[in-house]
Protein backbone atom coordinates (compact mmCIF):
# COMPACT_ATOMS: atom_id res chain seq x y z
CA UNK A 1 123.66 57.03 58.09
CA UNK A 2 126.67 55.68 60.00
CA UNK A 3 129.05 52.80 59.35
CA UNK A 4 127.87 49.40 58.04
CA UNK A 5 128.66 47.90 61.45
CA UNK A 6 126.51 50.40 63.31
CA UNK A 7 123.72 49.96 60.78
CA UNK A 8 123.70 46.20 61.31
CA UNK A 9 123.65 46.69 65.07
CA UNK A 10 120.71 49.00 64.68
CA UNK A 11 118.76 46.47 62.64
CA UNK A 12 119.60 43.76 65.15
CA UNK A 13 118.19 45.76 68.06
CA UNK A 14 115.23 47.39 66.36
CA UNK A 15 111.76 46.14 67.25
CA UNK A 16 108.79 47.87 65.70
CA UNK A 17 106.29 47.69 68.53
CA UNK A 18 104.32 50.88 68.25
CA UNK A 19 100.91 49.39 68.96
CA UNK A 20 102.14 47.33 71.91
CA UNK A 21 103.69 50.23 73.80
CA UNK A 22 101.52 52.29 76.15
CA UNK A 23 102.27 54.89 78.75
CA UNK A 24 101.73 54.25 82.45
CA UNK A 25 99.67 57.45 82.29
CA UNK A 26 96.83 56.60 79.90
CA UNK A 27 96.03 60.29 79.49
CA UNK A 28 98.66 60.10 76.74
CA UNK A 29 98.57 57.87 73.67
CA UNK A 30 101.69 58.64 71.64
CA UNK A 31 102.95 56.52 68.77
CA UNK A 32 106.74 56.29 68.48
CA UNK A 33 108.10 55.52 65.04
CA UNK A 34 109.79 52.47 66.58
CA UNK A 35 111.17 51.09 69.83
CA UNK A 36 114.67 49.63 70.08
CA UNK A 37 115.94 47.24 72.74
CA UNK A 38 119.75 47.42 72.88
CA UNK A 39 121.73 45.30 75.32
CA UNK A 40 124.99 47.27 75.55
CA UNK A 41 126.17 50.86 75.57
CA UNK A 42 127.76 50.26 72.17
CA UNK A 43 124.40 49.20 70.74
CA UNK A 44 122.77 52.32 72.18
CA UNK A 45 125.48 54.40 70.51
CA UNK A 46 124.94 52.57 67.22
CA UNK A 47 121.21 53.31 67.24
CA UNK A 48 121.84 56.98 67.98
CA UNK A 49 124.52 57.24 65.27
CA UNK A 50 122.24 55.72 62.64
CA UNK A 51 119.12 57.70 63.40
CA UNK A 52 120.03 61.04 64.99
CA UNK A 53 120.11 62.89 61.67
CA UNK A 54 116.53 61.98 60.86
CA UNK A 55 114.70 61.32 64.14
CA UNK A 56 114.34 62.71 67.63
CA UNK A 57 115.30 60.18 70.28
CA UNK A 58 114.26 59.45 73.84
CA UNK A 59 115.50 56.87 76.31
CA UNK A 60 113.08 54.80 78.37
CA UNK A 61 114.26 53.37 81.67
CA UNK A 62 111.02 52.44 83.45
CA UNK A 63 108.35 54.24 81.42
CA UNK A 64 106.91 56.18 84.38
CA UNK A 65 107.24 59.72 83.06
CA UNK A 66 104.13 61.59 84.15
CA UNK A 67 103.77 63.08 80.67
CA UNK A 68 104.84 59.97 78.72
CA UNK A 69 108.28 61.21 77.71
CA UNK A 70 109.29 57.55 77.64
CA UNK A 71 107.24 57.37 74.43
CA UNK A 72 108.72 60.63 73.19
CA UNK A 73 106.11 62.92 74.69
CA UNK A 74 104.70 63.28 71.16
CA UNK A 75 104.24 61.16 68.04
CA UNK A 76 107.08 60.08 65.81
CA UNK A 77 110.07 59.77 68.16
CA UNK A 78 112.45 56.82 68.31
CA UNK A 79 112.45 55.15 71.72
CA UNK A 80 115.57 53.46 73.07
CA UNK A 81 114.28 51.07 75.71
CA UNK A 82 117.00 50.09 78.20
CA UNK A 83 115.21 47.15 79.82
CA UNK A 84 117.85 44.66 78.63
CA UNK A 85 120.54 46.51 80.59
CA UNK A 86 120.11 45.42 84.21
CA UNK A 87 123.58 44.81 85.65
CA UNK A 88 124.17 45.84 89.30
CA UNK A 89 127.69 45.34 90.66
CA UNK A 90 129.04 46.48 94.03
CA UNK A 91 132.72 47.06 94.76
CA UNK A 92 133.15 45.45 98.17
CA UNK A 93 136.03 47.70 99.24
CA UNK A 94 134.62 51.10 98.26
CA UNK A 95 130.88 50.41 98.34
CA UNK A 96 130.52 51.99 94.90
CA UNK A 97 127.80 50.36 92.80
CA UNK A 98 127.75 50.24 89.01
CA UNK A 99 124.09 50.26 88.02
CA UNK A 100 122.78 49.99 84.47
CA UNK A 101 119.77 52.17 83.79
CA UNK A 102 117.42 49.44 82.62
CA UNK A 103 116.96 48.64 86.31
CA UNK A 104 113.90 49.61 88.29
CA UNK A 105 114.22 50.95 91.81
CA UNK A 106 112.97 47.81 93.51
CA UNK A 107 115.44 45.62 91.65
CA UNK A 108 118.28 47.99 92.54
CA UNK A 109 117.25 47.92 96.20
CA UNK A 110 117.03 44.12 96.15
CA UNK A 111 120.45 43.69 94.52
CA UNK A 112 122.16 46.19 96.83
CA UNK A 113 120.52 44.74 99.93
CA UNK A 114 122.02 41.37 99.08
CA UNK A 115 125.39 43.07 99.55
CA UNK A 116 124.30 44.85 102.73
CA UNK A 117 124.07 48.19 100.91
CA UNK A 118 121.40 50.76 100.06
CA UNK A 119 120.80 53.89 98.01
CA UNK A 120 118.37 56.82 98.47
CA UNK A 121 115.46 56.58 96.04
CA UNK A 122 111.69 56.87 95.74
CA UNK A 123 109.07 54.50 97.06
CA UNK A 124 107.55 53.32 93.76
CA UNK A 125 109.63 50.23 93.06
CA UNK A 126 108.63 50.11 89.38
CA UNK A 127 110.20 53.48 88.50
CA UNK A 128 113.30 53.19 86.29
CA UNK A 129 116.49 54.47 87.86
CA UNK A 130 117.58 56.27 84.68
CA UNK A 131 114.81 58.85 84.68
CA UNK A 132 114.74 58.96 88.48
CA UNK A 133 118.40 59.94 88.79
CA UNK A 134 118.14 62.34 85.85
CA UNK A 135 115.78 64.73 87.64
CA UNK A 136 116.47 64.18 91.33
CA UNK A 137 115.37 61.02 93.10
CA UNK A 138 113.69 61.58 96.48
CA UNK A 139 112.75 59.04 99.12
CA UNK A 140 112.42 58.78 102.87
CA UNK A 141 116.17 58.16 103.28
CA UNK A 142 116.99 61.37 101.37
CA UNK A 143 117.21 63.61 104.42
CA UNK A 144 119.90 61.18 105.60
CA UNK A 145 121.69 60.37 102.31
CA UNK A 146 120.56 62.94 99.73
CA UNK A 147 118.79 62.62 96.41
CA UNK A 148 119.67 59.71 94.15
CA UNK A 149 121.62 62.07 91.88
CA UNK A 150 123.72 63.20 94.87
CA UNK A 151 125.24 59.73 95.11
CA UNK A 152 126.47 59.64 91.49
CA UNK A 153 130.26 59.68 91.09
CA UNK A 154 130.40 59.13 87.34
CA UNK A 155 128.22 58.00 84.44
CA UNK A 156 128.44 56.31 81.09
CA UNK A 157 126.59 58.49 78.59
CA UNK A 158 125.79 58.29 74.89
CA UNK A 159 125.75 61.76 73.34
CA UNK A 160 123.63 63.04 70.44
CA UNK A 161 126.39 62.31 67.92
CA UNK A 162 126.68 58.69 69.07
CA UNK A 163 129.91 59.06 71.01
CA UNK A 164 130.34 57.44 74.43
CA UNK A 165 131.69 59.54 77.30
CA UNK A 166 132.13 59.06 81.05
CA UNK A 167 131.46 62.40 82.74
CA UNK A 168 132.53 62.94 86.35
CA UNK A 169 133.77 65.80 88.49
CA UNK A 170 137.21 65.44 86.86
CA UNK A 171 136.20 64.66 83.25
CA UNK A 172 133.53 66.46 81.18
CA UNK A 173 132.64 68.27 84.40
CA UNK A 174 130.21 70.70 82.72
CA UNK A 175 128.29 67.78 81.25
CA UNK A 176 128.41 65.98 84.60
CA UNK A 177 126.86 69.07 86.21
CA UNK A 178 124.03 69.15 83.64
CA UNK A 179 123.36 65.41 83.79
CA UNK A 180 122.56 65.64 87.50
CA UNK A 181 119.24 67.42 87.21
CA UNK A 182 118.53 67.65 83.46
CA UNK A 183 120.11 64.54 81.97
CA UNK A 184 117.40 63.59 79.49
CA UNK A 185 118.10 66.72 77.43
CA UNK A 186 121.80 65.96 77.00
CA UNK A 187 122.36 62.25 76.53
CA UNK A 188 121.37 58.71 77.35
CA UNK A 189 122.74 57.39 80.63
CA UNK A 190 123.46 53.68 80.26
CA UNK A 191 125.03 53.22 83.70
CA UNK A 192 125.94 55.14 86.83
CA UNK A 193 128.66 54.64 89.40
CA UNK A 194 127.01 55.56 92.68
CA UNK A 195 128.05 55.78 96.31
CA UNK A 196 126.04 53.34 98.41
CA UNK A 197 125.52 53.18 102.16
CA UNK A 198 125.34 50.39 104.71
CA UNK A 199 121.71 49.28 104.88
CA UNK A 200 120.17 50.61 108.11
CA UNK A 201 120.21 48.08 110.92
CA UNK A 202 116.62 49.01 111.77
CA UNK A 203 113.76 50.48 109.74
CA UNK A 204 110.04 50.89 110.14
CA UNK A 205 107.23 52.52 108.20
CA UNK A 206 104.92 54.55 110.42
CA UNK A 207 101.50 56.18 109.92
CA UNK A 208 99.12 58.36 111.96
CA UNK A 209 95.68 59.20 110.54
CA UNK A 210 93.12 61.92 111.31
CA UNK A 211 89.83 63.21 109.92
CA UNK A 212 89.71 66.97 110.46
CA UNK A 213 87.72 70.05 109.53
CA UNK A 214 89.66 72.28 107.18
CA UNK A 215 90.55 74.89 109.80
CA UNK A 216 92.00 72.30 112.18
CA UNK A 217 93.86 70.67 109.27
CA UNK A 218 95.41 74.03 108.37
CA UNK A 219 96.54 74.48 111.96
CA UNK A 220 97.97 70.92 111.96
CA UNK A 221 100.07 71.58 108.85
CA UNK A 222 101.29 74.83 110.34
CA UNK A 223 102.30 72.97 113.49
CA UNK A 224 104.06 70.30 111.43
CA UNK A 225 105.91 72.98 109.49
CA UNK A 226 107.09 74.48 112.79
CA UNK A 227 107.99 71.04 114.15
CA UNK A 228 110.33 70.10 111.29
CA UNK A 229 112.38 73.25 111.77
CA UNK A 230 113.28 72.09 115.28
CA UNK A 231 116.18 69.71 115.83
CA UNK A 232 114.88 66.57 114.10
CA UNK A 233 117.37 63.83 113.13
CA UNK A 234 118.28 62.99 109.51
CA UNK A 235 117.02 59.42 110.04
CA UNK A 236 113.49 60.84 110.10
CA UNK A 237 111.75 60.70 106.71
CA UNK A 238 108.21 62.03 106.50
CA UNK A 239 105.33 63.34 104.43
CA UNK A 240 101.83 64.61 105.12
CA UNK A 241 99.24 62.97 102.85
CA UNK A 242 95.92 64.73 102.30
CA UNK A 243 92.78 63.19 100.81
CA UNK A 244 89.02 63.53 100.56
CA UNK A 245 87.31 63.79 103.95
CA UNK A 246 84.37 61.80 105.24
CA UNK A 247 82.06 64.79 104.79
CA UNK A 248 82.04 68.15 103.07
CA UNK A 249 84.22 70.64 104.90
CA UNK A 250 86.68 67.98 106.11
CA UNK A 251 89.89 66.40 104.86
CA UNK A 252 91.78 63.25 105.74
CA UNK A 253 95.30 63.90 107.02
CA UNK A 254 98.00 61.26 107.38
CA UNK A 255 101.51 61.63 108.75
CA UNK A 256 103.61 58.82 107.33
CA UNK A 257 107.21 58.06 106.50
CA UNK A 258 110.22 55.89 107.12
CA UNK A 259 112.35 55.82 110.25
CA UNK A 260 115.93 54.57 110.09
CA UNK A 261 117.07 55.16 113.66
CA UNK A 262 117.61 52.59 116.38
CA UNK A 263 114.06 51.82 117.56
CA UNK A 264 110.35 52.70 117.47
CA UNK A 265 110.74 54.16 120.96
CA UNK A 266 113.25 56.68 119.63
CA UNK A 267 110.94 57.52 116.73
CA UNK A 268 108.07 58.17 119.13
CA UNK A 269 110.24 60.46 121.23
CA UNK A 270 111.09 62.41 118.05
CA UNK A 271 107.41 62.68 117.10
CA UNK A 272 106.07 63.51 120.57
CA UNK A 273 106.32 67.32 120.27
CA UNK A 274 104.13 67.26 117.17
CA UNK A 275 101.74 64.52 118.28
CA UNK A 276 101.04 66.35 121.55
CA UNK A 277 99.53 69.19 119.49
CA UNK A 278 97.22 66.79 117.60
CA UNK A 279 94.09 64.82 118.54
CA UNK A 280 95.23 61.53 120.09
CA UNK A 281 95.43 58.56 117.69
CA UNK A 282 97.34 55.31 117.71
CA UNK A 283 100.30 55.02 115.38
CA UNK A 284 100.75 52.10 113.00
CA UNK A 285 104.24 50.64 112.59
CA UNK A 286 104.86 48.24 109.73
CA UNK A 287 107.62 45.82 108.86
CA UNK A 288 109.87 43.29 110.49
CA UNK A 289 112.58 45.85 111.28
CA UNK A 290 114.73 45.20 108.21
CA UNK A 291 115.47 47.89 105.67
CA UNK A 292 114.47 45.80 102.64
CA UNK A 293 111.11 45.00 104.24
CA UNK A 294 110.44 48.74 104.56
CA UNK A 295 111.21 49.14 100.84
CA UNK A 296 108.72 46.38 100.05
CA UNK A 297 105.99 47.89 102.24
CA UNK A 298 106.39 51.33 100.69
CA UNK A 299 106.37 49.69 97.26
CA UNK A 300 102.93 48.13 97.80
CA UNK A 301 104.46 44.75 98.51
CA UNK A 302 106.81 44.66 95.51
CA UNK A 303 110.60 44.64 95.53
CA UNK A 304 111.50 42.25 92.72
CA UNK A 305 109.58 43.79 89.81
CA UNK A 306 110.74 41.12 87.37
CA UNK A 307 108.90 38.49 89.39
CA UNK A 308 105.87 40.67 90.08
CA UNK A 309 105.02 41.51 86.48
CA UNK A 310 104.13 44.88 84.93
CA UNK A 311 103.06 47.90 86.94
CA UNK A 312 99.51 49.22 86.99
CA UNK A 313 98.39 51.97 84.64
CA UNK A 314 96.53 55.14 85.60
CA UNK A 315 94.92 58.17 83.95
CA UNK A 316 96.03 61.25 85.84
CA UNK A 317 97.28 64.80 85.99
CA UNK A 318 99.92 65.94 88.47
CA UNK A 319 101.54 69.17 89.61
CA UNK A 320 104.24 70.09 92.13
CA UNK A 321 105.34 72.96 94.33
CA UNK A 322 108.71 73.16 96.10
CA UNK A 323 108.18 75.46 99.06
CA UNK A 324 111.07 77.70 100.17
CA UNK A 325 112.33 77.04 103.68
CA UNK A 326 113.07 80.73 104.22
CA UNK A 327 109.47 81.66 103.32
CA UNK A 328 107.26 79.26 105.31
CA UNK A 329 103.64 78.84 104.27
CA UNK A 330 101.41 81.09 106.34
CA UNK A 331 98.38 79.95 108.31
CA UNK A 332 96.22 82.05 105.97
CA UNK A 333 97.59 80.17 102.95
CA UNK A 334 97.09 76.80 104.62
CA UNK A 335 93.52 77.85 105.50
CA UNK A 336 92.73 78.82 101.89
CA UNK A 337 94.28 75.59 100.61
CA UNK A 338 92.53 73.29 103.09
CA UNK A 339 89.18 75.02 102.57
CA UNK A 340 89.56 74.45 98.83
CA UNK A 341 90.29 70.74 99.36
CA UNK A 342 87.48 70.37 101.91
CA UNK A 343 84.85 71.70 99.49
CA UNK A 344 86.11 71.55 95.89
CA UNK A 345 88.03 68.37 96.67
CA UNK A 346 85.09 66.73 98.38
CA UNK A 347 82.88 67.39 95.33
CA UNK A 348 85.50 66.47 92.74
CA UNK A 349 84.79 63.26 90.84
CA UNK A 350 88.51 62.54 90.59
CA UNK A 351 90.49 60.25 92.88
CA UNK A 352 93.05 62.63 94.34
CA UNK A 353 95.76 62.98 96.93
CA UNK A 354 98.20 65.69 97.94
CA UNK A 355 101.59 65.01 99.54
CA UNK A 356 103.80 67.38 101.51
CA UNK A 357 107.13 65.56 101.22
CA UNK A 358 109.72 66.69 103.75
CA UNK A 359 112.89 67.70 101.87
CA UNK A 360 114.38 70.17 104.32
CA UNK A 361 114.16 70.91 107.99
CA UNK A 362 117.11 70.61 110.32
CA UNK A 363 119.86 68.11 109.44
CA UNK A 364 118.67 67.58 105.84
CA UNK A 365 121.45 66.32 103.58
CA UNK A 366 119.49 67.44 100.49
CA UNK A 367 119.72 71.08 101.45
CA UNK A 368 123.26 70.91 102.79
CA UNK A 369 124.66 70.66 99.25
CA UNK A 370 125.69 73.83 97.43
CA UNK A 371 122.91 74.69 94.98
CA UNK A 372 125.36 75.32 92.13
CA UNK A 373 127.14 71.96 92.43
CA UNK A 374 124.52 70.21 90.26
CA UNK A 375 121.84 71.28 87.80
CA UNK A 376 119.18 70.36 90.37
CA UNK A 377 118.14 73.87 91.23
CA UNK A 378 116.26 73.88 94.55
CA UNK A 379 118.41 73.14 97.60
CA UNK A 380 116.33 75.27 99.93
CA UNK A 381 112.95 73.52 99.83
CA UNK A 382 111.19 72.63 103.02
CA UNK A 383 108.49 70.58 101.26
CA UNK A 384 107.92 69.28 97.79
CA UNK A 385 104.16 69.22 97.39
CA UNK A 386 102.79 66.69 94.92
CA UNK A 387 99.22 67.34 93.72
CA UNK A 388 97.78 64.30 91.92
CA UNK A 389 94.30 63.50 90.57
CA UNK A 390 93.20 60.40 88.64
CA UNK A 391 90.02 59.87 86.63
CA UNK A 392 87.21 58.29 88.63
CA UNK A 393 87.91 54.78 87.31
CA UNK A 394 91.63 55.31 86.53
CA UNK A 395 90.83 54.88 82.83
CA UNK A 396 90.52 57.38 79.95
CA UNK A 397 89.11 59.83 79.20
CA UNK A 398 90.51 62.30 81.70
CA UNK A 399 87.87 64.83 82.86
CA UNK A 400 88.44 68.51 82.12
CA UNK A 401 87.54 69.45 85.67
CA UNK A 402 90.48 67.35 86.84
CA UNK A 403 92.78 69.99 85.40
CA UNK A 404 90.85 72.90 86.89
CA UNK A 405 90.63 71.19 90.29
CA UNK A 406 94.40 70.66 90.59
CA UNK A 407 95.29 74.04 89.13
CA UNK A 408 92.91 75.64 91.64
CA UNK A 409 94.49 73.73 94.52
CA UNK A 410 97.96 74.98 93.58
CA UNK A 411 96.61 78.51 93.12
CA UNK A 412 95.02 78.47 96.56
CA UNK A 413 98.54 78.31 98.01
CA UNK A 414 100.49 80.44 95.55
CA UNK A 415 98.00 83.30 95.25
CA UNK A 416 97.59 83.61 99.01
CA UNK A 417 101.37 83.58 99.52
CA UNK A 418 101.70 86.36 96.94
CA UNK A 419 104.04 87.29 94.09
CA UNK A 420 107.13 87.37 96.29
CA UNK A 421 106.90 83.70 97.24
CA UNK A 422 109.87 82.09 95.47
CA UNK A 423 108.59 78.53 95.10
CA UNK A 424 109.80 76.01 92.52
CA UNK A 425 108.64 72.78 90.88
CA UNK A 426 110.05 69.24 90.70
CA UNK A 427 110.81 68.05 87.18
CA UNK A 428 110.26 64.38 88.06
CA UNK A 429 106.62 65.30 88.68
CA UNK A 430 106.43 66.68 85.14
CA UNK A 431 103.48 68.96 84.43
CA UNK A 432 102.58 69.59 80.78
CA UNK A 433 100.20 72.42 81.75
CA UNK A 434 102.72 74.41 83.80
CA UNK A 435 103.41 78.08 83.04
CA UNK A 436 106.89 79.58 83.56
CA UNK A 437 108.10 75.99 83.64
CA UNK A 438 111.79 76.54 82.92
CA UNK A 439 112.24 78.97 85.78
CA UNK A 440 110.24 76.82 88.20
CA UNK A 441 112.17 73.66 87.31
CA UNK A 442 115.67 75.08 86.79
CA UNK A 443 115.71 78.55 88.41
CA UNK A 444 118.97 80.45 87.78
CA UNK A 445 120.59 77.35 86.22
CA UNK A 446 118.50 77.51 83.05
CA UNK A 447 120.75 79.87 81.02
CA UNK A 448 123.78 77.62 81.66
CA UNK A 449 121.74 74.57 80.66
CA UNK A 450 120.71 76.28 77.42
CA UNK A 451 124.35 77.05 76.62
CA UNK A 452 125.39 73.45 77.31
CA UNK A 453 122.50 72.15 75.20
CA UNK A 454 123.85 74.06 72.20
CA UNK A 455 127.25 72.49 72.84
CA UNK A 456 126.24 68.87 73.38
CA UNK A 457 123.03 68.58 71.34
CA UNK A 458 122.99 71.47 68.85
CA UNK A 459 120.43 69.87 66.51
CA UNK A 460 117.94 68.87 69.22
CA UNK A 461 118.20 65.08 68.97
CA UNK A 462 117.01 64.68 72.57
CA UNK A 463 113.88 66.79 72.29
CA UNK A 464 110.63 66.21 74.16
CA UNK A 465 108.09 68.31 76.08
CA UNK A 466 109.93 70.25 78.83
CA UNK A 467 113.37 69.44 77.42
CA UNK A 468 116.03 72.15 77.57
CA UNK A 469 115.55 74.31 74.48
């Protein structure tokens, strides 16, 4: 049961709040046995020490797990909520930031920007940095700076036996490897020491929008795929967003992203080779030119989440595909995919979108890193494709045809590309319906992760759907 001191700390931080806690994804309604709210690493360790022999434990940083792992991913887990741990300190000489994992991305961006610094991370400002860094952490600055986990120099981690360690490349290096890509299965990160970067002197958010028949949309994506393998600069962040068209047989197509170069004129010169192959449209450029304003725009107007209040809920299902750069998607596969969206998607009663997020292409920092240097297993992706469908009113229940629609959309690509297409999946877009999930998420790294799991968590304290077994 642990020492009397740790037991008292546990009681002091324990809040039974089962009925008050809900997932951001209302498709799930799990009941944890209790939720604790520690304020220090030592209190986290005390809770783990007192309960690990009898309960399975999950940490909650922001609560945005797609499959509600922040509530345990099932009934009966103990949740350690880190929302009281929100320190962000920046060493002025080195630029290294110490960031506690109760912070959300917007609050991290706001605190770093006040010091003239920045970090690569996703656009949803409400996402907790703990889960984000555990599985990757992609944003429009990632082609320039890497994934969030690529910036981590060391961590403070509570292990399954309640001990506190500080893994880095020179200490507990095997654990440090596993924590950068599969952290939630091995321990609770209470803080990270991360390399930060000078905030860009200029930033803008851009968007170009088209309505297209499915055949033209397939050709456009093929042209974009060709374009990003030319010499594009790392300051160019981009994604193609697809949605329901105005009429059956059509799709909406949007090119959007962040630009962190010196001017809009330079951005337009970068984009010209692609735009010349597309129907002419006017681009939209948002923001006042500052980096933090671009973060706010991409975050639907929110940077300071503490002042803005809680995030919205949704009822959704999501999937992902990480497409291999060495095996580009064929025009035939794009045609099959776009035709599916133009007809099945048009008639679907879900609210859906698909995103082709640009990971690779020339000058991508993400893919310049040796694949075996971290547990993150896909350093050769050109795109990470997110497939996402909400219920018609964003409330439960979730319709059964929402699952079949998204699964069919993914299959339209994978089946046309054939069995030899070595795609992957992104664990931060967790999919509870995925088959062959451990290979798709972790590739050749999975056997090493299994061995390390038996070393660091032999009794399965940190166990949840999709955790390392």
